């Protein structure tokens, strides 16, 4: 089902997810301060989403300094915030209909880098309307970030949001490109500029704490069977954190399922060590005369 085939009720669930998400994002950002716990912020946000009637669409991403995406606290994580650049990327779903948002909390003294991605998002939202080419949106993002003297992260993109699917077409680039597509009325997309003082390309780091179902198959180990049952019932195709699993020795169980091809992992994506990355993201529904931002602060 493409987003332009959705019913009014399904769009309402996208909106409800966005409303929950805007509140949780703003409150979670307020909790980020030097000495605060990564795990406590992530678990508070995930639980608050549930209290408000949604479910996390993926584990709360807490990316620090040169990290751009897919970093989330591990089981028993004792990390605390320092004088760093922190990106919070949070997702909510209501019956599988999603919203996705991100914000940079800068404790590092590089306010202008955080402003670059935020202003780039504003510029992108200003041109979203039916018929706009995704490459034109990317050009707006690139122009603003270049104007600040930084680089867009060119191998990360915005994306469509589907039913139980976090990433579907169209991709929304963070630079001007010739290829792409035109947005249509009813499209639900997440636009997320990343700005960096690095080279503008992220690579895979060594750590993985986020996983998703690759394929269902029979597994012999009892704990692996229990974990797979929870994954297919609760998370379906959406990403989850090792710390969400209700089994003993969750890390070992995840490794086993990954080795058997049942799960795939999301390595932390990062710039070069010593560089910084900022991020700002909203989810929008394309309307007849522009777009409706579902994740804007109320």
Protein backbone atom coordinates (compact mmCIF):
# COMPACT_ATOMS: atom_id res chain seq x y z
CA UNK A 1 0.00 0.00 0.00
CA UNK A 2 1.44 3.36 -0.98
CA UNK A 3 0.94 6.33 1.31
CA UNK A 4 -1.41 7.98 -1.19
CA UNK A 5 -3.85 5.06 -0.74
CA UNK A 6 -4.31 5.59 3.00
CA UNK A 7 -7.70 6.10 4.66
CA UNK A 8 -8.58 9.05 6.88
CA UNK A 9 -8.33 6.76 9.91
CA UNK A 10 -4.81 5.70 8.96
CA UNK A 11 -3.71 9.32 8.51
CA UNK A 12 -5.16 10.05 11.94
CA UNK A 13 -2.93 7.34 13.39
CA UNK A 14 0.09 8.95 11.71
CA UNK A 15 -0.99 12.25 13.31
CA UNK A 16 -1.52 10.67 16.72
CA UNK A 17 1.94 9.12 16.55
CA UNK A 18 3.38 12.54 15.66
CA UNK A 19 1.61 14.26 18.52
CA UNK A 20 2.91 11.75 21.06
CA UNK A 21 6.36 12.01 19.56
CA UNK A 22 6.55 15.80 19.68
CA UNK A 23 5.80 15.79 23.40
CA UNK A 24 8.24 12.99 24.20
CA UNK A 25 11.04 14.49 22.07
CA UNK A 26 10.79 17.87 23.77
CA UNK A 27 10.68 16.37 27.28
CA UNK A 28 13.52 13.92 26.59
CA UNK A 29 15.68 16.75 25.22
CA UNK A 30 15.15 18.63 28.50
CA UNK A 31 16.58 15.62 30.37
CA UNK A 32 19.87 15.70 28.45
CA UNK A 33 22.49 17.38 30.63
CA UNK A 34 26.04 16.67 31.73
CA UNK A 35 26.06 13.67 34.05
CA UNK A 36 22.61 12.33 33.06
CA UNK A 37 22.34 8.66 32.10
CA UNK A 38 21.91 7.61 28.45
CA UNK A 39 19.94 4.53 29.53
CA UNK A 40 17.62 6.48 31.83
CA UNK A 41 16.79 9.01 29.11
CA UNK A 42 16.15 6.29 26.52
CA UNK A 43 14.04 4.13 28.81
CA UNK A 44 12.08 7.11 30.13
CA UNK A 45 11.24 8.19 26.56
CA UNK A 46 10.26 4.69 25.47
CA UNK A 47 8.03 4.19 28.51
CA UNK A 48 6.47 7.65 28.15
CA UNK A 49 5.54 6.80 24.54
CA UNK A 50 3.64 3.77 25.84
CA UNK A 51 1.94 5.79 28.57
CA UNK A 52 0.65 8.23 25.94
CA UNK A 53 -0.87 5.44 23.85
CA UNK A 54 1.82 4.70 21.29
CA UNK A 55 4.68 2.24 20.92
CA UNK A 56 8.32 2.98 20.12
CA UNK A 57 8.85 2.54 16.37
CA UNK A 58 12.54 1.86 17.05
CA UNK A 59 14.88 2.19 20.04
CA UNK A 60 15.67 5.76 21.07
CA UNK A 61 18.88 6.68 19.22
CA UNK A 62 21.39 8.63 21.29
CA UNK A 63 24.28 9.55 19.01
CA UNK A 64 27.27 11.33 20.50
CA UNK A 65 29.69 13.71 18.73
CA UNK A 66 30.89 11.88 15.57
CA UNK A 67 28.07 9.32 15.69
CA UNK A 68 25.14 9.97 13.35
CA UNK A 69 22.68 7.10 13.78
CA UNK A 70 21.86 3.68 15.24
CA UNK A 71 23.47 4.22 18.64
CA UNK A 72 21.28 3.17 21.58
CA UNK A 73 22.15 2.18 25.14
CA UNK A 74 23.08 -1.46 25.78
CA UNK A 75 21.74 -3.68 28.55
CA UNK A 76 22.91 -2.13 31.84
CA UNK A 77 24.64 0.75 30.02
CA UNK A 78 26.35 3.14 32.46
CA UNK A 79 27.22 5.90 29.95
CA UNK A 80 26.51 9.49 30.95
CA UNK A 81 26.42 12.71 28.94
CA UNK A 82 29.45 14.97 28.86
CA UNK A 83 30.16 18.27 27.11
CA UNK A 84 29.18 16.71 23.80
CA UNK A 85 26.92 17.07 20.78
CA UNK A 86 23.97 14.74 21.31
CA UNK A 87 21.43 13.70 18.67
CA UNK A 88 18.15 12.21 19.89
CA UNK A 89 16.27 10.32 17.17
CA UNK A 90 12.92 8.92 18.32
CA UNK A 91 10.08 7.09 16.58
CA UNK A 92 6.49 6.26 17.52
CA UNK A 93 3.89 4.05 15.92
CA UNK A 94 0.16 3.69 16.51
CA UNK A 95 -1.01 0.33 15.15
CA UNK A 96 2.02 0.34 12.84
CA UNK A 97 1.49 3.88 11.46
CA UNK A 98 4.66 5.85 12.12
CA UNK A 99 6.17 9.19 12.99
CA UNK A 100 9.92 9.90 13.19
CA UNK A 101 11.73 12.92 14.62
CA UNK A 102 15.16 14.04 15.79
CA UNK A 103 16.78 16.96 17.55
CA UNK A 104 20.32 17.94 18.49
CA UNK A 105 21.06 18.93 22.08
CA UNK A 106 24.42 20.69 21.99
CA UNK A 107 26.46 20.64 25.20
CA UNK A 108 29.73 21.03 23.27
CA UNK A 109 29.62 24.76 22.49
CA UNK A 110 29.05 24.29 18.74
CA UNK A 111 25.62 25.90 18.51
CA UNK A 112 26.10 26.89 14.88
CA UNK A 113 26.46 23.27 13.76
CA UNK A 114 23.17 22.41 15.47
CA UNK A 115 21.58 25.49 13.88
CA UNK A 116 22.79 24.40 10.43
CA UNK A 117 20.74 21.19 10.41
CA UNK A 118 17.74 22.91 12.04
CA UNK A 119 17.68 25.75 9.51
CA UNK A 120 18.23 23.27 6.67
CA UNK A 121 15.11 21.40 7.77
CA UNK A 122 13.10 24.62 7.85
CA UNK A 123 14.26 25.43 4.31
CA UNK A 124 13.31 21.93 3.14
CA UNK A 125 9.85 22.15 4.68
CA UNK A 126 9.28 25.48 2.94
CA UNK A 127 9.52 23.85 -0.51
CA UNK A 128 7.59 20.63 0.20
CA UNK A 129 4.44 20.47 -1.92
CA UNK A 130 2.93 18.15 -4.53
CA UNK A 131 5.17 17.91 -7.58
CA UNK A 132 8.37 19.06 -5.89
CA UNK A 133 11.35 16.92 -6.88
CA UNK A 134 13.21 15.26 -4.03
CA UNK A 135 16.48 16.53 -5.52
CA UNK A 136 15.20 20.09 -5.11
CA UNK A 137 14.56 19.43 -1.40
CA UNK A 138 18.13 18.11 -1.15
CA UNK A 139 19.43 21.24 -2.87
CA UNK A 140 17.75 23.46 -0.27
CA UNK A 141 19.30 21.39 2.55
CA UNK A 142 22.76 21.47 0.99
CA UNK A 143 22.60 25.21 0.33
CA UNK A 144 21.82 26.07 3.95
CA UNK A 145 24.44 23.73 5.43
CA UNK A 146 27.07 24.97 2.96
CA UNK A 147 26.19 28.52 4.01
CA UNK A 148 27.20 27.69 7.58
CA UNK A 149 30.54 26.35 6.34
CA UNK A 150 29.71 22.70 7.01
CA UNK A 151 28.97 19.63 4.92
CA UNK A 152 25.71 17.70 4.63
CA UNK A 153 26.05 13.98 5.33
CA UNK A 154 25.42 12.79 1.80
CA UNK A 155 25.00 9.05 2.40
CA UNK A 156 22.14 9.47 4.87
CA UNK A 157 18.70 10.46 3.61
CA UNK A 158 15.17 11.18 4.66
CA UNK A 159 12.62 8.55 3.70
CA UNK A 160 9.02 7.53 3.36
CA UNK A 161 7.16 5.91 6.24
CA UNK A 162 5.01 2.85 5.61
CA UNK A 163 2.81 0.54 7.66
CA UNK A 164 5.18 -1.31 10.01
CA UNK A 165 7.97 -0.04 7.74
CA UNK A 166 10.40 2.60 8.91
CA UNK A 167 12.12 3.20 5.55
CA UNK A 168 10.29 3.12 2.23
CA UNK A 169 10.59 5.25 -0.94
CA UNK A 170 10.97 8.06 -1.62
CA UNK A 171 14.43 8.87 -0.33
CA UNK A 172 14.90 12.56 0.51
CA UNK A 173 18.57 13.42 -0.16
CA UNK A 174 20.62 15.88 1.86
CA UNK A 175 22.22 17.36 -1.27
CA UNK A 176 21.21 18.32 -4.79
CA UNK A 177 20.83 15.25 -7.01
CA UNK A 178 19.48 14.66 -10.51
CA UNK A 179 17.84 11.34 -9.69
CA UNK A 180 14.78 11.08 -7.49
CA UNK A 181 11.05 11.47 -7.72
CA UNK A 182 8.25 14.00 -7.29
CA UNK A 183 6.23 14.07 -4.08
CA UNK A 184 2.49 13.45 -4.29
CA UNK A 185 -0.45 14.52 -2.16
CA UNK A 186 -0.75 12.06 0.72
CA UNK A 187 2.90 11.01 0.86
CA UNK A 188 4.15 10.56 4.44
CA UNK A 189 7.87 11.34 4.63
CA UNK A 190 10.54 12.01 7.23
CA UNK A 191 13.01 14.74 6.26
CA UNK A 192 16.26 14.69 8.25
CA UNK A 193 19.22 16.91 7.42
CA UNK A 194 22.55 15.93 8.97
CA UNK A 195 25.32 18.55 9.12
CA UNK A 196 28.95 17.82 9.96
CA UNK A 197 32.35 19.47 10.27
CA UNK A 198 33.74 16.26 8.77
CA UNK A 199 33.92 15.04 5.20
CA UNK A 200 30.20 14.38 4.85
CA UNK A 201 30.15 10.57 4.61
CA UNK A 202 29.46 8.18 7.46
CA UNK A 203 30.79 4.66 7.80
CA UNK A 204 29.89 1.68 9.95
CA UNK A 205 31.32 1.46 13.44
CA UNK A 206 32.05 -1.72 15.37
CA UNK A 207 29.05 -1.72 17.70
CA UNK A 208 25.48 -2.95 17.10
CA UNK A 209 22.68 -2.65 19.63
CA UNK A 210 19.73 -2.37 17.22
CA UNK A 211 18.38 -5.32 15.24
CA UNK A 212 15.39 -6.26 13.09
CA UNK A 213 13.81 -9.42 11.77
CA UNK A 214 15.40 -10.64 8.53
CA UNK A 215 13.37 -13.82 8.08
CA UNK A 216 11.43 -16.25 10.22
CA UNK A 217 12.75 -19.78 10.53
CA UNK A 218 12.67 -22.54 13.11
CA UNK A 219 15.33 -22.33 15.81
CA UNK A 220 16.17 -25.09 18.28
CA UNK A 221 17.43 -23.11 21.26
CA UNK A 222 14.62 -22.39 23.75
CA UNK A 223 15.70 -18.83 24.55
CA UNK A 224 16.10 -18.07 20.86
CA UNK A 225 12.58 -19.39 20.21
CA UNK A 226 11.17 -17.22 23.02
CA UNK A 227 13.00 -14.15 21.71
CA UNK A 228 11.81 -14.78 18.14
CA UNK A 229 8.23 -15.12 19.36
CA UNK A 230 8.47 -11.76 21.13
CA UNK A 231 10.09 -10.12 18.10
CA UNK A 232 7.46 -11.32 15.62
CA UNK A 233 4.53 -10.47 17.91
CA UNK A 234 5.66 -7.11 19.32
CA UNK A 235 8.08 -5.55 16.84
CA UNK A 236 7.28 -7.34 13.55
CA UNK A 237 9.59 -5.77 10.96
CA UNK A 238 10.48 -2.71 13.07
CA UNK A 239 13.90 -2.34 14.73
CA UNK A 240 14.33 -3.25 18.39
CA UNK A 241 17.04 -3.06 21.05
CA UNK A 242 18.67 -6.04 22.71
CA UNK A 243 17.57 -4.54 26.04
CA UNK A 244 13.90 -4.90 25.01
CA UNK A 245 14.01 -8.70 24.96
CA UNK A 246 12.43 -10.56 27.89
CA UNK A 247 14.87 -13.46 27.86
CA UNK A 248 17.92 -14.39 29.91
CA UNK A 249 21.29 -13.72 28.26
CA UNK A 250 19.68 -11.47 25.65
CA UNK A 251 23.00 -10.49 24.03
CA UNK A 252 23.99 -14.12 23.45
CA UNK A 253 20.51 -14.91 22.12
CA UNK A 254 20.66 -12.02 19.63
CA UNK A 255 24.09 -13.14 18.44
CA UNK A 256 22.75 -16.65 17.89
CA UNK A 257 19.74 -15.39 15.90
CA UNK A 258 21.96 -13.13 13.80
CA UNK A 259 24.37 -15.97 13.02
CA UNK A 260 21.41 -18.05 11.85
CA UNK A 261 20.27 -15.29 9.48
CA UNK A 262 17.08 -14.59 11.44
CA UNK A 263 18.09 -11.05 12.43
CA UNK A 264 20.14 -8.30 10.83
CA UNK A 265 21.92 -5.63 12.79
CA UNK A 266 22.28 -1.88 12.39
CA UNK A 267 25.90 -0.87 13.06
CA UNK A 268 26.40 2.59 14.52
CA UNK A 269 26.96 5.03 11.63
CA UNK A 270 29.64 7.60 12.27
CA UNK A 271 31.91 10.29 10.89
CA UNK A 272 35.64 10.28 11.59
CA UNK A 273 36.63 10.34 15.26
CA UNK A 274 36.97 13.93 16.46
CA UNK A 275 34.29 15.28 14.11
CA UNK A 276 30.76 16.34 15.06
CA UNK A 277 27.37 15.60 13.50
CA UNK A 278 24.08 17.42 14.10
CA UNK A 279 20.61 16.29 13.02
CA UNK A 280 17.08 17.66 12.86
CA UNK A 281 14.06 15.70 11.62
CA UNK A 282 10.32 16.07 11.20
CA UNK A 283 7.64 13.86 9.70
CA UNK A 284 5.27 15.47 7.21
CA UNK A 285 2.15 14.60 5.25
CA UNK A 286 2.19 16.19 1.79
CA UNK A 287 -1.00 18.25 1.30
CA UNK A 288 -2.63 20.04 -1.65
CA UNK A 289 -0.93 23.33 -0.73
CA UNK A 290 2.27 22.26 1.02
CA UNK A 291 2.70 19.92 3.96
CA UNK A 292 1.42 19.18 7.44
CA UNK A 293 4.20 18.66 10.00
CA UNK A 294 2.97 15.93 12.36
CA UNK A 295 5.90 16.14 14.81
CA UNK A 296 5.97 19.88 15.47
CA UNK A 297 5.85 21.03 19.12
CA UNK A 298 2.31 21.77 20.23
